Amino acid sequence: MDVVVAGGHGKIGLRLLRLLADGGHRARGLIRNPDHAGELSAIGAEPVVCDMEQLGDLSECCAGADAVVFAAGAGPGSGPERKQTVDYGAAVKLMEAGVPRYVIVSAISAGRPEEWSDAMRPYYEAKAGADERLMASGLDYTIVRPGGLTDDPGTGRVRLGTDLQRGEIPRDDVAAVLLAVLETPGTVGKTFELVAGDTPVDEAVRSL
């Protein structure tokens, strides 16, 4: 596959690009800062300088791709405005780029507003809004909603479901699940939550 990862220099994006390249796929990562290109090239990925906030049309950034993965985010230090321009706005722009397969990294509880804290509400509103737009887009979508992200080494074992209790998940395992989703046609049209668990990644994804 030819896969474009938005947020190519992010902690999940870099991990996924490495897995894609190691698996023989064409791995392209969208980055805003040209200084990050070398890190992508070093893991076998192709850096594409593409400022998703500034550009109105992202189609040239991912021309010819079979699939896109939206793994970008405004980050924990950003205010509500950037949550809207990145976590929501850039995600929607990518939906309009003409790529038929779209996988988005959302967040656990994004579909359960009663669980949102006031402090996190702008983030969840942006995530939930992007998910809703994706479901209505007509694209071959999968929505992946991981729990709290950690930099612990991946275990290769996860728990997937639609109404999970909050938990943590290593970024390594999130990237592995994203790769499995891309390689598993049966995940099209599915929305699921993801935390650490006991089921091997491929088995868990196939069971969706």
Protein backbone atom coordinates (compact mmCIF):
# COMPACT_ATOMS: atom_id res chain seq x y z
CA MET A 1 0.00 0.00 0.00
CA ASP A 2 0.89 3.64 -0.43
CA VAL A 3 0.03 5.21 2.93
CA VAL A 4 0.25 8.87 3.95
CA VAL A 5 0.48 9.59 7.67
CA ALA A 6 -0.59 13.05 8.82
CA GLY A 7 1.42 13.98 11.89
CA GLY A 8 4.40 12.14 10.47
CA HIS A 9 6.81 13.46 13.09
CA GLY A 10 4.49 12.73 16.01
CA LYS A 11 5.14 9.95 18.48
CA ILE A 12 2.54 7.63 16.94
CA GLY A 13 3.21 8.79 13.39
CA LEU A 14 6.91 7.96 13.48
CA ARG A 15 6.24 4.54 14.94
CA LEU A 16 3.62 3.77 12.28
CA LEU A 17 5.82 4.99 9.43
CA ARG A 18 8.62 2.70 10.60
CA LEU A 19 6.24 -0.29 10.69
CA LEU A 20 4.86 0.54 7.24
CA ALA A 21 8.33 0.88 5.72
CA ASP A 22 9.54 -2.31 7.41
CA GLY A 23 6.48 -4.10 6.03
CA GLY A 24 7.25 -3.11 2.44
CA HIS A 25 4.62 -0.41 2.11
CA ARG A 26 5.29 3.04 0.72
CA ALA A 27 5.30 5.24 3.83
CA ARG A 28 4.86 8.99 3.41
CA GLY A 29 4.74 11.31 6.40
CA LEU A 30 3.31 14.82 6.38
CA ILE A 31 5.46 17.23 8.38
CA ARG A 32 5.22 20.96 8.96
CA ASN A 33 8.88 21.55 9.80
CA PRO A 34 11.41 20.66 7.05
CA ASP A 35 14.04 20.12 9.76
CA HIS A 36 12.24 16.88 10.68
CA ALA A 37 12.69 15.32 7.24
CA GLY A 38 15.90 13.52 8.15
CA GLU A 39 14.25 11.60 10.98
CA LEU A 40 11.62 10.24 8.59
CA SER A 41 14.17 9.35 5.92
CA ALA A 42 16.24 7.49 8.52
CA ILE A 43 13.38 5.02 9.16
CA GLY A 44 12.65 4.46 5.47
CA ALA A 45 9.77 6.92 5.16
CA GLU A 46 9.31 9.73 2.65
CA PRO A 47 8.93 13.17 4.25
CA VAL A 48 6.35 15.49 2.67
CA VAL A 49 6.40 19.10 3.85
CA CYS A 50 2.73 19.99 4.24
CA ASP A 51 1.37 22.57 6.68
CA MET A 52 -2.15 21.30 7.12
CA GLU A 53 -3.27 24.38 9.03
CA GLN A 54 -2.16 26.82 6.35
CA LEU A 55 -3.07 24.92 3.19
CA GLY A 56 -6.66 24.95 2.00
CA ASP A 57 -6.29 21.86 -0.17
CA LEU A 58 -4.26 18.84 0.92
CA SER A 59 -4.77 16.76 -2.22
CA GLU A 60 -1.25 17.40 -3.56
CA CYS A 61 0.26 16.32 -0.24
CA CYS A 62 -1.18 12.82 -0.61
CA ALA A 63 -1.69 12.43 -4.37
CA GLY A 64 -1.92 8.79 -5.42
CA ALA A 65 -2.17 7.39 -1.90
CA ASP A 66 -4.22 4.28 -1.19
CA ALA A 67 -4.87 5.32 2.41
CA VAL A 68 -4.32 8.15 4.85
CA VAL A 69 -3.91 7.98 8.61
CA PHE A 70 -4.68 11.10 10.63
CA ALA A 71 -2.34 10.92 13.62
CA ALA A 72 -1.79 14.65 13.99
CA GLY A 73 -2.77 16.74 16.99
CA ALA A 74 -2.36 20.21 18.37
CA GLY A 75 -0.65 18.80 21.46
CA PRO A 76 -1.18 19.20 25.20
CA GLY A 77 0.19 22.74 25.40
CA SER A 78 -2.18 24.19 22.81
CA GLY A 79 -5.34 26.19 23.41
CA PRO A 80 -8.92 25.54 22.26
CA GLU A 81 -8.39 27.40 18.97
CA ARG A 82 -5.63 25.06 17.78
CA LYS A 83 -7.69 22.06 18.87
CA GLN A 84 -10.23 23.24 16.30
CA THR A 85 -7.75 24.04 13.51
CA VAL A 86 -5.70 20.84 13.90
CA ASP A 87 -7.63 18.06 15.66
CA TYR A 88 -10.82 19.00 13.80
CA GLY A 89 -9.97 21.31 10.90
CA ALA A 90 -6.94 19.49 9.49
CA ALA A 91 -8.70 16.14 9.88
CA VAL A 92 -11.61 17.42 7.78
CA LYS A 93 -9.29 18.87 5.13
CA LEU A 94 -7.65 15.47 4.81
CA MET A 95 -11.09 13.90 4.24
CA GLU A 96 -11.46 16.17 1.22
CA ALA A 97 -8.10 15.22 -0.30
CA GLY A 98 -9.47 12.46 -2.53
CA VAL A 99 -8.02 9.39 -0.76
CA PRO A 100 -10.63 6.63 -0.36
CA ARG A 101 -9.33 4.91 2.80
CA TYR A 102 -9.11 6.99 5.97
CA VAL A 103 -8.00 5.87 9.44
CA ILE A 104 -8.18 8.41 12.25
CA VAL A 105 -6.59 8.34 15.70
CA SER A 106 -9.30 9.63 18.00
CA ALA A 107 -9.52 9.27 21.80
CA ILE A 108 -11.23 6.96 24.25
CA SER A 109 -14.54 8.45 25.47
CA ALA A 110 -14.81 10.70 22.40
CA GLY A 111 -18.28 9.21 21.91
CA ARG A 112 -19.31 9.66 25.55
CA PRO A 113 -19.64 13.40 26.34
CA GLU A 114 -20.82 12.68 29.89
CA GLU A 115 -17.26 11.56 30.69
CA TRP A 116 -15.52 14.73 29.48
CA SER A 117 -13.96 17.02 32.05
CA ASP A 118 -14.27 20.78 31.58
CA ALA A 119 -10.52 21.08 31.07
CA MET A 120 -10.51 18.47 28.30
CA ARG A 121 -13.80 19.47 26.67
CA PRO A 122 -12.24 21.49 23.77
CA TYR A 123 -10.06 18.51 22.89
CA TYR A 124 -12.90 16.01 23.01
CA GLU A 125 -15.22 18.32 21.09
CA ALA A 126 -12.66 18.56 18.29
CA LYS A 127 -12.06 14.79 18.27
CA ALA A 128 -15.74 13.90 18.38
CA GLY A 129 -16.54 16.43 15.66
CA ALA A 130 -13.88 14.99 13.37
CA ASP A 131 -15.15 11.46 14.00
CA GLU A 132 -18.69 12.48 13.12
CA ARG A 133 -17.58 14.20 9.93
CA LEU A 134 -15.59 11.11 8.95
CA MET A 135 -18.54 8.78 9.53
CA ALA A 136 -20.68 10.99 7.27
CA SER A 137 -17.99 11.41 4.60
CA GLY A 138 -18.67 8.33 2.50
CA LEU A 139 -15.02 7.29 2.83
CA ASP A 140 -13.83 3.82 3.85
CA TYR A 141 -13.12 4.85 7.41
CA THR A 142 -11.91 3.31 10.64
CA ILE A 143 -11.95 5.27 13.90
CA VAL A 144 -9.40 4.16 16.50
CA ARG A 145 -9.89 5.55 20.02
CA PRO A 146 -6.89 4.74 22.24
CA GLY A 147 -6.74 5.25 25.98
CA GLY A 148 -4.02 7.17 27.77
CA LEU A 149 -0.84 7.04 25.69
CA THR A 150 2.47 5.95 27.21
CA ASP A 151 6.01 5.52 25.92
CA ASP A 152 6.34 2.11 27.59
CA PRO A 153 7.59 -0.66 25.30
CA GLY A 154 4.79 -2.29 23.36
CA THR A 155 3.59 -5.73 24.39
CA GLY A 156 1.85 -6.67 21.14
CA ARG A 157 -1.27 -7.44 23.18
CA VAL A 158 -4.34 -5.22 23.39
CA ARG A 159 -8.01 -5.02 24.25
CA LEU A 160 -10.44 -3.61 21.69
CA GLY A 161 -14.10 -2.75 22.25
CA THR A 162 -16.80 -0.12 21.93
CA ASP A 163 -17.38 0.79 25.58
CA LEU A 164 -14.14 0.18 27.46
CA GLN A 165 -13.15 1.53 30.83
CA ARG A 166 -10.39 4.09 30.63
CA GLY A 167 -6.92 2.61 30.60
CA GLU A 168 -3.48 3.12 29.13
CA ILE A 169 -1.85 1.85 25.96
CA PRO A 170 1.76 2.10 24.76
CA ARG A 171 2.19 4.12 21.58
CA ASP A 172 4.06 1.13 20.12
CA ASP A 173 0.87 -0.91 20.35
CA VAL A 174 -1.30 1.87 18.93
CA ALA A 175 0.97 1.97 15.87
CA ALA A 176 0.78 -1.82 15.55
CA VAL A 177 -3.02 -1.68 15.67
CA LEU A 178 -3.08 1.05 13.00
CA LEU A 179 -0.94 -1.09 10.70
CA ALA A 180 -3.20 -4.10 11.29
CA VAL A 181 -6.27 -1.97 10.56
CA LEU A 182 -4.79 -0.85 7.24
CA GLU A 183 -4.01 -4.45 6.31
CA THR A 184 -7.44 -5.79 7.34
CA PRO A 185 -10.31 -4.87 4.96
CA GLY A 186 -12.89 -5.97 7.52
CA THR A 187 -12.13 -2.92 9.67
CA VAL A 188 -13.79 -0.52 7.20
CA GLY A 189 -16.73 1.22 8.82
CA LYS A 190 -15.66 0.27 12.36
CA THR A 191 -15.17 2.49 15.42
CA PHE A 192 -13.46 1.02 18.46
CA GLU A 193 -11.61 1.85 21.66
CA LEU A 194 -8.18 0.50 22.48
CA VAL A 195 -6.32 -0.17 25.75
CA ALA A 196 -3.63 -2.58 26.88
CA GLY A 197 -4.83 -6.15 27.12
CA ASP A 198 -4.09 -9.82 26.57
CA THR A 199 -5.08 -10.44 22.94
CA PRO A 200 -2.43 -10.35 20.19
CA VAL A 201 -2.89 -7.32 17.94
CA ASP A 202 -3.65 -9.15 14.70
CA GLU A 203 -6.14 -11.46 16.41
CA ALA A 204 -7.89 -8.56 18.12
CA VAL A 205 -8.20 -6.57 14.91
CA ARG A 206 -9.44 -9.54 12.89
CA SER A 207 -12.19 -10.10 15.45
CA LEU A 208 -13.73 -6.64 14.98
